[in-house]
Amino acid sequence: MACSFSPPLPSLLSKLKISKASVSKPLSIPCEKRQRKSLRIVKAVSISNPELRTGPDDLVQSILSKVTQTDRGVSLTKEGHEEVAEVAQELQKYCVDEPVKSPLIFGEWDVMYCSNPTSPGGGYRSAVGRLFFKAKEMVQVVEAPDTVKNSVSFTALGFLDGEVSLKGKLYALDDKWIQVIFELPELKVGGLEFRYGGESEVKLQITYIDEKIRLGLGSRGSLFVFQRRK
């Protein structure tokens, strides 16, 4: 379930009265073969990234370490995003069958990362939006049987606490893909509380899920990393 907040930022500001990937160098180990007291060097063997030769638990810890304290991907370099994508691709091999039907999808999730950092939060997370709104938490709650609630808490202009939230209904498209249709966003900031914009929808493929994290791939190619709260 992707986070979909795309509010009209200029309108909101008006209401507030403010007009590498670190790819390890392949290690080449020459294989020695002794024959008739002579040493012959055979073709070197290249060892791939040892990080990706581990099990799912190690890969989960690896991807969390790469996305933590990156402002959900905003501060990552191009190489950093490539590292996250590489580990995520490896984790797909360990995904449960039919993840959409797994009870593991239910619960509270922190949005830890998105390869398109402005995707979760919409206008609030754009380059301009971040000048006025400092995101504090991004949370997604998935409740049985088919309810999704997204919320972003923030500080506006450095002193106004606020929150924008969305409520949507989840539909299973197949055993890996889901669609969520969201109602109008609700904004709370200072003493204001109102709805704005229109309905929205997202489609997401669940590529990995366990007791700790959930990975999703949006229909436009954005990679999401969620970490379970409860």
C-alpha atoms as a PDB file:
ATOM      1  CA  MET A   1       0.000   0.000   0.000  1.00  0.00           C
ATOM      2  CA  ALA A   2       1.655   3.142  -1.126  1.00  0.00           C
ATOM      3  CA  CYS A   3       1.275   6.480   0.568  1.00  0.00           C
ATOM      4  CA  SER A   4      -0.672   8.900  -1.598  1.00  0.00           C
ATOM      5  CA  PHE A   5      -0.809  12.508  -0.452  1.00  0.00           C
ATOM      6  CA  SER A   6      -0.868  14.993  -3.274  1.00  0.00           C
ATOM      7  CA  PRO A   7      -2.427  18.159  -1.849  1.00  0.00           C
ATOM      8  CA  PRO A   8      -2.366  21.466  -3.735  1.00  0.00           C
ATOM      9  CA  LEU A   9       0.454  23.163  -1.842  1.00  0.00           C
ATOM     10  CA  PRO A  10      -0.228  26.764  -2.964  1.00  0.00           C
ATOM     11  CA  SER A  11      -3.813  26.426  -1.799  1.00  0.00           C
ATOM     12  CA  LEU A  12      -2.719  25.110   1.578  1.00  0.00           C
ATOM     13  CA  LEU A  13      -0.163  27.912   2.066  1.00  0.00           C
ATOM     14  CA  SER A  14      -2.917  30.397   1.302  1.00  0.00           C
ATOM     15  CA  LYS A  15      -5.054  28.902   4.067  1.00  0.00           C
ATOM     16  CA  LEU A  16      -2.130  29.379   6.440  1.00  0.00           C
ATOM     17  CA  LYS A  17      -1.971  33.037   5.336  1.00  0.00           C
ATOM     18  CA  ILE A  18       1.472  32.710   3.724  1.00  0.00           C
ATOM     19  CA  SER A  19       1.550  33.895   0.242  1.00  0.00           C
ATOM     20  CA  LYS A  20      27.830   4.987  -4.550  1.00  0.00           C
ATOM     21  CA  ALA A  21      26.261   2.242  -4.817  1.00  0.00           C
ATOM     22  CA  SER A  22      28.910   1.263  -2.409  1.00  0.00           C
ATOM     23  CA  VAL A  23      29.669  -1.702  -4.598  1.00  0.00           C
ATOM     24  CA  SER A  24      32.463  -3.718  -3.105  1.00  0.00           C
ATOM     25  CA  LYS A  25      35.354  -4.177  -5.491  1.00  0.00           C
ATOM     26  CA  PRO A  26      35.217  -7.780  -6.707  1.00  0.00           C
ATOM     27  CA  LEU A  27      37.801  -9.840  -4.943  1.00  0.00           C
ATOM     28  CA  SER A  28      39.826 -11.940  -7.348  1.00  0.00           C
ATOM     29  CA  ILE A  29      41.372 -15.001  -5.793  1.00  0.00           C
ATOM     30  CA  PRO A  30      43.933 -16.745  -7.953  1.00  0.00           C
ATOM     31  CA  CYS A  31      43.538 -20.474  -7.692  1.00  0.00           C
ATOM     32  CA  GLU A  32      46.859 -22.187  -7.190  1.00  0.00           C
ATOM     33  CA  LYS A  33      47.537 -25.632  -8.557  1.00  0.00           C
ATOM     34  CA  ARG A  34      50.842 -27.382  -7.933  1.00  0.00           C
ATOM     35  CA  GLN A  35      51.942 -29.896 -10.543  1.00  0.00           C
ATOM     36  CA  ARG A  36      55.431 -31.421 -10.987  1.00  0.00           C
ATOM     37  CA  LYS A  37      56.934 -28.842  -8.643  1.00  0.00           C
ATOM     38  CA  SER A  38      55.672 -25.962 -10.801  1.00  0.00           C
ATOM     39  CA  LEU A  39      53.099 -23.339  -9.942  1.00  0.00           C
ATOM     40  CA  ARG A  40      50.373 -22.665 -12.479  1.00  0.00           C
ATOM     41  CA  ILE A  41      47.882 -19.793 -12.118  1.00  0.00           C
ATOM     42  CA  VAL A  42      44.446 -20.582 -13.444  1.00  0.00           C
ATOM     43  CA  LYS A  43      41.642 -18.155 -14.290  1.00  0.00           C
ATOM     44  CA  ALA A  44      40.717 -15.828 -11.416  1.00  0.00           C
ATOM     45  CA  VAL A  45      37.374 -16.319  -9.663  1.00  0.00           C
ATOM     46  CA  SER A  46      35.221 -13.263  -8.935  1.00  0.00           C
ATOM     47  CA  ILE A  47      33.169 -13.275  -5.731  1.00  0.00           C
ATOM     48  CA  SER A  48      29.942 -11.296  -5.850  1.00  0.00           C
ATOM     49  CA  ASN A  49      28.748  -8.955  -3.109  1.00  0.00           C
ATOM     50  CA  PRO A  50      28.901 -11.102   0.057  1.00  0.00           C
ATOM     51  CA  GLU A  51      26.038  -9.091   1.551  1.00  0.00           C
ATOM     52  CA  LEU A  52      23.670 -10.613  -0.986  1.00  0.00           C
ATOM     53  CA  ARG A  53      24.779 -14.167  -0.247  1.00  0.00           C
ATOM     54  CA  THR A  54      23.080 -14.164   3.153  1.00  0.00           C
ATOM     55  CA  GLY A  55      19.594 -15.149   4.315  1.00  0.00           C
ATOM     56  CA  PRO A  56      16.476 -12.973   4.623  1.00  0.00           C
ATOM     57  CA  ASP A  57      17.126 -11.914   8.228  1.00  0.00           C
ATOM     58  CA  ASP A  58      20.488 -10.410   7.320  1.00  0.00           C
ATOM     59  CA  LEU A  59      19.015  -8.775   4.225  1.00  0.00           C
ATOM     60  CA  VAL A  60      16.226  -7.206   6.297  1.00  0.00           C
ATOM     61  CA  GLN A  61      18.756  -5.725   8.705  1.00  0.00           C
ATOM     62  CA  SER A  62      20.829  -4.518   5.776  1.00  0.00           C
ATOM     63  CA  ILE A  63      18.011  -2.677   4.038  1.00  0.00           C
ATOM     64  CA  LEU A  64      16.848  -1.075   7.292  1.00  0.00           C
ATOM     65  CA  SER A  65      20.363   0.154   8.007  1.00  0.00           C
ATOM     66  CA  LYS A  66      20.496   1.741   4.556  1.00  0.00           C
ATOM     67  CA  VAL A  67      17.208   3.669   4.835  1.00  0.00           C
ATOM     68  CA  THR A  68      17.203   4.682   8.512  1.00  0.00           C
ATOM     69  CA  GLN A  69      17.868   8.384   9.152  1.00  0.00           C
ATOM     70  CA  THR A  70      17.744   9.287   5.448  1.00  0.00           C
ATOM     71  CA  ASP A  71      14.560  11.362   5.701  1.00  0.00           C
ATOM     72  CA  ARG A  72      12.792   8.489   3.971  1.00  0.00           C
ATOM     73  CA  GLY A  73      15.254   8.517   1.108  1.00  0.00           C
ATOM     74  CA  VAL A  74      15.602  12.269   0.557  1.00  0.00           C
ATOM     75  CA  SER A  75      19.231  12.424   1.696  1.00  0.00           C
ATOM     76  CA  LEU A  76      20.395   9.294  -0.129  1.00  0.00           C
ATOM     77  CA  THR A  77      22.767   9.582  -3.076  1.00  0.00           C
ATOM     78  CA  LYS A  78      22.079   7.857  -6.371  1.00  0.00           C
ATOM     79  CA  GLU A  79      24.453   5.105  -5.287  1.00  0.00           C
ATOM     80  CA  GLY A  80      22.588   4.772  -2.002  1.00  0.00           C
ATOM     81  CA  HIS A  81      19.273   4.278  -3.805  1.00  0.00           C
ATOM     82  CA  GLU A  82      20.908   1.633  -5.987  1.00  0.00           C
ATOM     83  CA  GLU A  83      22.113  -0.240  -2.902  1.00  0.00           C
ATOM     84  CA  VAL A  84      18.605  -0.279  -1.442  1.00  0.00           C
ATOM     85  CA  ALA A  85      17.153  -1.519  -4.744  1.00  0.00           C
ATOM     86  CA  GLU A  86      19.753  -4.289  -4.923  1.00  0.00           C
ATOM     87  CA  VAL A  87      18.907  -5.647  -1.474  1.00  0.00           C
ATOM     88  CA  ALA A  88      15.167  -5.301  -2.126  1.00  0.00           C
ATOM     89  CA  GLN A  89      15.502  -7.329  -5.308  1.00  0.00           C
ATOM     90  CA  GLU A  90      17.307 -10.077  -3.422  1.00  0.00           C
ATOM     91  CA  LEU A  91      14.616 -10.125  -0.712  1.00  0.00           C
ATOM     92  CA  GLN A  92      11.938 -10.818  -3.330  1.00  0.00           C
ATOM     93  CA  LYS A  93      13.283 -14.354  -3.572  1.00  0.00           C
ATOM     94  CA  TYR A  94      12.143 -14.968   0.014  1.00  0.00           C
ATOM     95  CA  CYS A  95       8.645 -13.493  -0.251  1.00  0.00           C
ATOM     96  CA  VAL A  96       5.784 -15.671   0.949  1.00  0.00           C
ATOM     97  CA  ASP A  97       3.384 -17.089  -1.601  1.00  0.00           C
ATOM     98  CA  GLU A  98       0.310 -14.931  -2.218  1.00  0.00           C
ATOM     99  CA  PRO A  99       1.406 -12.065   0.079  1.00  0.00           C
ATOM    100  CA  VAL A 100      -1.877 -10.222  -0.458  1.00  0.00           C
ATOM    101  CA  LYS A 101      -3.657 -13.014   1.411  1.00  0.00           C
ATOM    102  CA  SER A 102      -1.141 -13.051   4.269  1.00  0.00           C
ATOM    103  CA  PRO A 103      -2.338 -11.729   7.664  1.00  0.00           C
ATOM    104  CA  LEU A 104       1.107 -10.152   7.972  1.00  0.00           C
ATOM    105  CA  ILE A 105      -0.107  -7.153   5.962  1.00  0.00           C
ATOM    106  CA  PHE A 106      -2.291  -5.964   8.852  1.00  0.00           C
ATOM    107  CA  GLY A 107      -0.886  -3.657  11.498  1.00  0.00           C
ATOM    108  CA  GLU A 108       0.777  -0.276  11.883  1.00  0.00           C
ATOM    109  CA  TRP A 109       3.698   0.566   9.624  1.00  0.00           C
ATOM    110  CA  ASP A 110       6.241   3.392   9.522  1.00  0.00           C
ATOM    111  CA  VAL A 111       7.086   4.618   6.035  1.00  0.00           C
ATOM    112  CA  MET A 112      10.876   4.292   6.125  1.00  0.00           C
ATOM    113  CA  TYR A 113      11.807   4.884   2.500  1.00  0.00           C
ATOM    114  CA  CYS A 114      10.621   5.609  -1.003  1.00  0.00           C
ATOM    115  CA  SER A 115      12.841   5.644  -4.078  1.00  0.00           C
ATOM    116  CA  ASN A 116      10.817   8.692  -5.169  1.00  0.00           C
ATOM    117  CA  PRO A 117      11.018  10.684  -1.917  1.00  0.00           C
ATOM    118  CA  THR A 118       8.187  13.047  -2.888  1.00  0.00           C
ATOM    119  CA  SER A 119       5.740  10.200  -3.491  1.00  0.00           C
ATOM    120  CA  PRO A 120       4.731   9.664   0.167  1.00  0.00           C
ATOM    121  CA  GLY A 121       3.485  13.079   1.208  1.00  0.00           C
ATOM    122  CA  GLY A 122       2.926  14.634  -2.191  1.00  0.00           C
ATOM    123  CA  GLY A 123       3.336  18.412  -2.218  1.00  0.00           C
ATOM    124  CA  TYR A 124       4.403  18.443   1.414  1.00  0.00           C
ATOM    125  CA  ARG A 125       7.546  16.507   0.461  1.00  0.00           C
ATOM    126  CA  SER A 126       8.487  18.466  -2.639  1.00  0.00           C
ATOM    127  CA  ALA A 127      11.558  20.707  -2.567  1.00  0.00           C
ATOM    128  CA  VAL A 128       9.337  23.727  -1.950  1.00  0.00           C
ATOM    129  CA  GLY A 129       7.063  21.923   0.477  1.00  0.00           C
ATOM    130  CA  ARG A 130       9.966  20.894   2.699  1.00  0.00           C
ATOM    131  CA  LEU A 131      10.827  24.562   3.160  1.00  0.00           C
ATOM    132  CA  PHE A 132       7.533  25.107   4.984  1.00  0.00           C
ATOM    133  CA  PHE A 133       6.635  21.653   6.314  1.00  0.00           C
ATOM    134  CA  LYS A 134       8.929  19.432   8.362  1.00  0.00           C
ATOM    135  CA  ALA A 135       7.586  15.872   8.369  1.00  0.00           C
ATOM    136  CA  LYS A 136       7.728  14.148  11.748  1.00  0.00           C
ATOM    137  CA  GLU A 137       6.006  10.810  11.179  1.00  0.00           C
ATOM    138  CA  MET A 138       4.590   8.929   8.216  1.00  0.00           C
ATOM    139  CA  VAL A 139       2.390   6.038   9.278  1.00  0.00           C
ATOM    140  CA  GLN A 140       0.223   3.557   7.432  1.00  0.00           C
ATOM    141  CA  VAL A 141      -2.370   1.471   9.259  1.00  0.00           C
ATOM    142  CA  VAL A 142      -3.851  -1.564   7.515  1.00  0.00           C
ATOM    143  CA  GLU A 143      -6.934  -2.918   9.272  1.00  0.00           C
ATOM    144  CA  ALA A 144      -8.852  -6.094   8.510  1.00  0.00           C
ATOM    145  CA  PRO A 145     -10.576  -6.701   6.308  1.00  0.00           C
ATOM    146  CA  ASP A 146      -9.916  -3.872   3.815  1.00  0.00           C
ATOM    147  CA  THR A 147      -9.184  -0.481   5.417  1.00  0.00           C
ATOM    148  CA  VAL A 148      -6.026   1.576   4.885  1.00  0.00           C
ATOM    149  CA  LYS A 149      -5.237   4.781   6.787  1.00  0.00           C
ATOM    150  CA  ASN A 150      -2.282   6.985   5.856  1.00  0.00           C
ATOM    151  CA  SER A 151      -1.154   9.913   7.969  1.00  0.00           C
ATOM    152  CA  VAL A 152       1.682  12.431   7.900  1.00  0.00           C
ATOM    153  CA  SER A 153       2.343  14.564  10.965  1.00  0.00           C
ATOM    154  CA  PHE A 154       4.382  17.709  10.450  1.00  0.00           C
ATOM    155  CA  THR A 155       5.422  21.098  11.752  1.00  0.00           C
ATOM    156  CA  ALA A 156       4.432  24.019   9.531  1.00  0.00           C
ATOM    157  CA  LEU A 157       6.528  27.184   9.463  1.00  0.00           C
ATOM    158  CA  GLY A 158       8.504  25.891  12.413  1.00  0.00           C
ATOM    159  CA  PHE A 159       5.779  26.324  15.018  1.00  0.00           C
ATOM    160  CA  LEU A 160       2.400  24.978  13.843  1.00  0.00           C
ATOM    161  CA  ASP A 161       1.760  21.276  14.411  1.00  0.00           C
ATOM    162  CA  GLY A 162      -0.407  19.599  11.825  1.00  0.00           C
ATOM    163  CA  GLU A 163      -1.465  16.331  10.245  1.00  0.00           C
ATOM    164  CA  VAL A 164      -2.817  15.267   6.898  1.00  0.00           C
ATOM    165  CA  SER A 165      -4.594  11.927   6.689  1.00  0.00           C
ATOM    166  CA  LEU A 166      -6.257   9.688   4.139  1.00  0.00           C
ATOM    167  CA  LYS A 167      -8.629   6.788   4.535  1.00  0.00           C
ATOM    168  CA  GLY A 168      -9.064   4.243   1.791  1.00  0.00           C
ATOM    169  CA  LYS A 169     -10.439   0.857   0.849  1.00  0.00           C
ATOM    170  CA  LEU A 170      -8.165  -1.978  -0.209  1.00  0.00           C
ATOM    171  CA  TYR A 171      -8.911  -4.243  -3.161  1.00  0.00           C
ATOM    172  CA  ALA A 172      -6.890  -7.339  -4.072  1.00  0.00           C
ATOM    173  CA  LEU A 173      -6.138  -7.392  -7.799  1.00  0.00           C
ATOM    174  CA  ASP A 174      -4.330 -10.739  -7.669  1.00  0.00           C
ATOM    175  CA  ASP A 175      -2.096 -12.605  -5.225  1.00  0.00           C
ATOM    176  CA  LYS A 176       0.586  -9.853  -5.248  1.00  0.00           C
ATOM    177  CA  TRP A 177      -1.039  -6.639  -6.449  1.00  0.00           C
ATOM    178  CA  ILE A 178      -3.461  -4.462  -4.498  1.00  0.00           C
ATOM    179  CA  GLN A 179      -5.315  -1.254  -5.215  1.00  0.00           C
ATOM    180  CA  VAL A 180      -6.350   1.347  -2.639  1.00  0.00           C
ATOM    181  CA  ILE A 181      -8.954   3.995  -3.395  1.00  0.00           C
ATOM    182  CA  PHE A 182      -8.669   6.924  -0.984  1.00  0.00           C
ATOM    183  CA  GLU A 183     -11.285   9.416   0.118  1.00  0.00           C
ATOM    184  CA  LEU A 184     -10.624  13.164   0.217  1.00  0.00           C
ATOM    185  CA  PRO A 185      -7.604  14.134   2.348  1.00  0.00           C
ATOM    186  CA  GLU A 186      -8.267  15.653   5.762  1.00  0.00           C
ATOM    187  CA  LEU A 187      -5.978  18.413   7.029  1.00  0.00           C
ATOM    188  CA  LYS A 188      -5.535  19.527  10.622  1.00  0.00           C
ATOM    189  CA  VAL A 189      -3.194  22.443  11.303  1.00  0.00           C
ATOM    190  CA  GLY A 190      -3.330  24.956  14.108  1.00  0.00           C
ATOM    191  CA  GLY A 191      -7.018  25.472  14.776  1.00  0.00           C
ATOM    192  CA  LEU A 192      -8.039  24.546  11.240  1.00  0.00           C
ATOM    193  CA  GLU A 193      -9.578  21.268  10.185  1.00  0.00           C
ATOM    194  CA  PHE A 194     -10.971  20.681   6.717  1.00  0.00           C
ATOM    195  CA  ARG A 195     -11.060  18.404   3.681  1.00  0.00           C
ATOM    196  CA  TYR A 196      -9.753  19.371   0.273  1.00  0.00           C
ATOM    197  CA  GLY A 197      -8.777  17.947  -3.121  1.00  0.00           C
ATOM    198  CA  GLY A 198     -10.422  14.817  -4.465  1.00  0.00           C
ATOM    199  CA  GLU A 199     -10.307  11.063  -4.364  1.00  0.00           C
ATOM    200  CA  SER A 200      -7.093   9.281  -5.309  1.00  0.00           C
ATOM    201  CA  GLU A 201      -5.940   5.741  -5.913  1.00  0.00           C
ATOM    202  CA  VAL A 202      -2.709   3.757  -5.885  1.00  0.00           C
ATOM    203  CA  LYS A 203      -1.659   0.317  -7.054  1.00  0.00           C
ATOM    204  CA  LEU A 204       1.135  -1.568  -5.349  1.00  0.00           C
ATOM    205  CA  GLN A 205       2.835  -4.931  -5.686  1.00  0.00           C
ATOM    206  CA  ILE A 206       3.871  -6.523  -2.396  1.00  0.00           C
ATOM    207  CA  THR A 207       7.336  -7.891  -3.129  1.00  0.00           C
ATOM    208  CA  TYR A 208       8.311  -8.985   0.391  1.00  0.00           C
ATOM    209  CA  ILE A 209       6.684  -9.172   3.813  1.00  0.00           C
ATOM    210  CA  ASP A 210       7.532 -10.628   7.220  1.00  0.00           C
ATOM    211  CA  GLU A 211       7.082  -9.753  10.895  1.00  0.00           C
ATOM    212  CA  LYS A 212       9.422  -6.752  10.606  1.00  0.00           C
ATOM    213  CA  ILE A 213       9.176  -5.121   7.185  1.00  0.00           C
ATOM    214  CA  ARG A 214       7.082  -4.876   4.042  1.00  0.00           C
ATOM    215  CA  LEU A 215       8.382  -3.944   0.606  1.00  0.00           C
ATOM    216  CA  GLY A 216       6.180  -2.593  -2.138  1.00  0.00           C
ATOM    217  CA  LEU A 217       6.649  -1.610  -5.762  1.00  0.00           C
ATOM    218  CA  GLY A 218       4.291   1.028  -7.106  1.00  0.00           C
ATOM    219  CA  SER A 219       2.723   0.920 -10.544  1.00  0.00           C
ATOM    220  CA  ARG A 220       5.113   3.703 -11.610  1.00  0.00           C
ATOM    221  CA  GLY A 221       8.163   1.878 -10.300  1.00  0.00           C
ATOM    222  CA  SER A 222       8.619   3.520  -6.897  1.00  0.00           C
ATOM    223  CA  LEU A 223      10.080   1.228  -4.220  1.00  0.00           C
ATOM    224  CA  PHE A 224       8.652   1.519  -0.696  1.00  0.00           C
ATOM    225  CA  VAL A 225      10.075   0.172   2.564  1.00  0.00           C
ATOM    226  CA  PHE A 226       7.727  -0.083   5.546  1.00  0.00           C
ATOM    227  CA  GLN A 227       8.768  -1.117   9.068  1.00  0.00           C
ATOM    228  CA  ARG A 228       6.205  -2.625  11.421  1.00  0.00           C
ATOM    229  CA  ARG A 229       5.287  -0.632  14.524  1.00  0.00           C
ATOM    230  CA  LYS A 230       3.134  -3.172  16.337  1.00  0.00           C
END
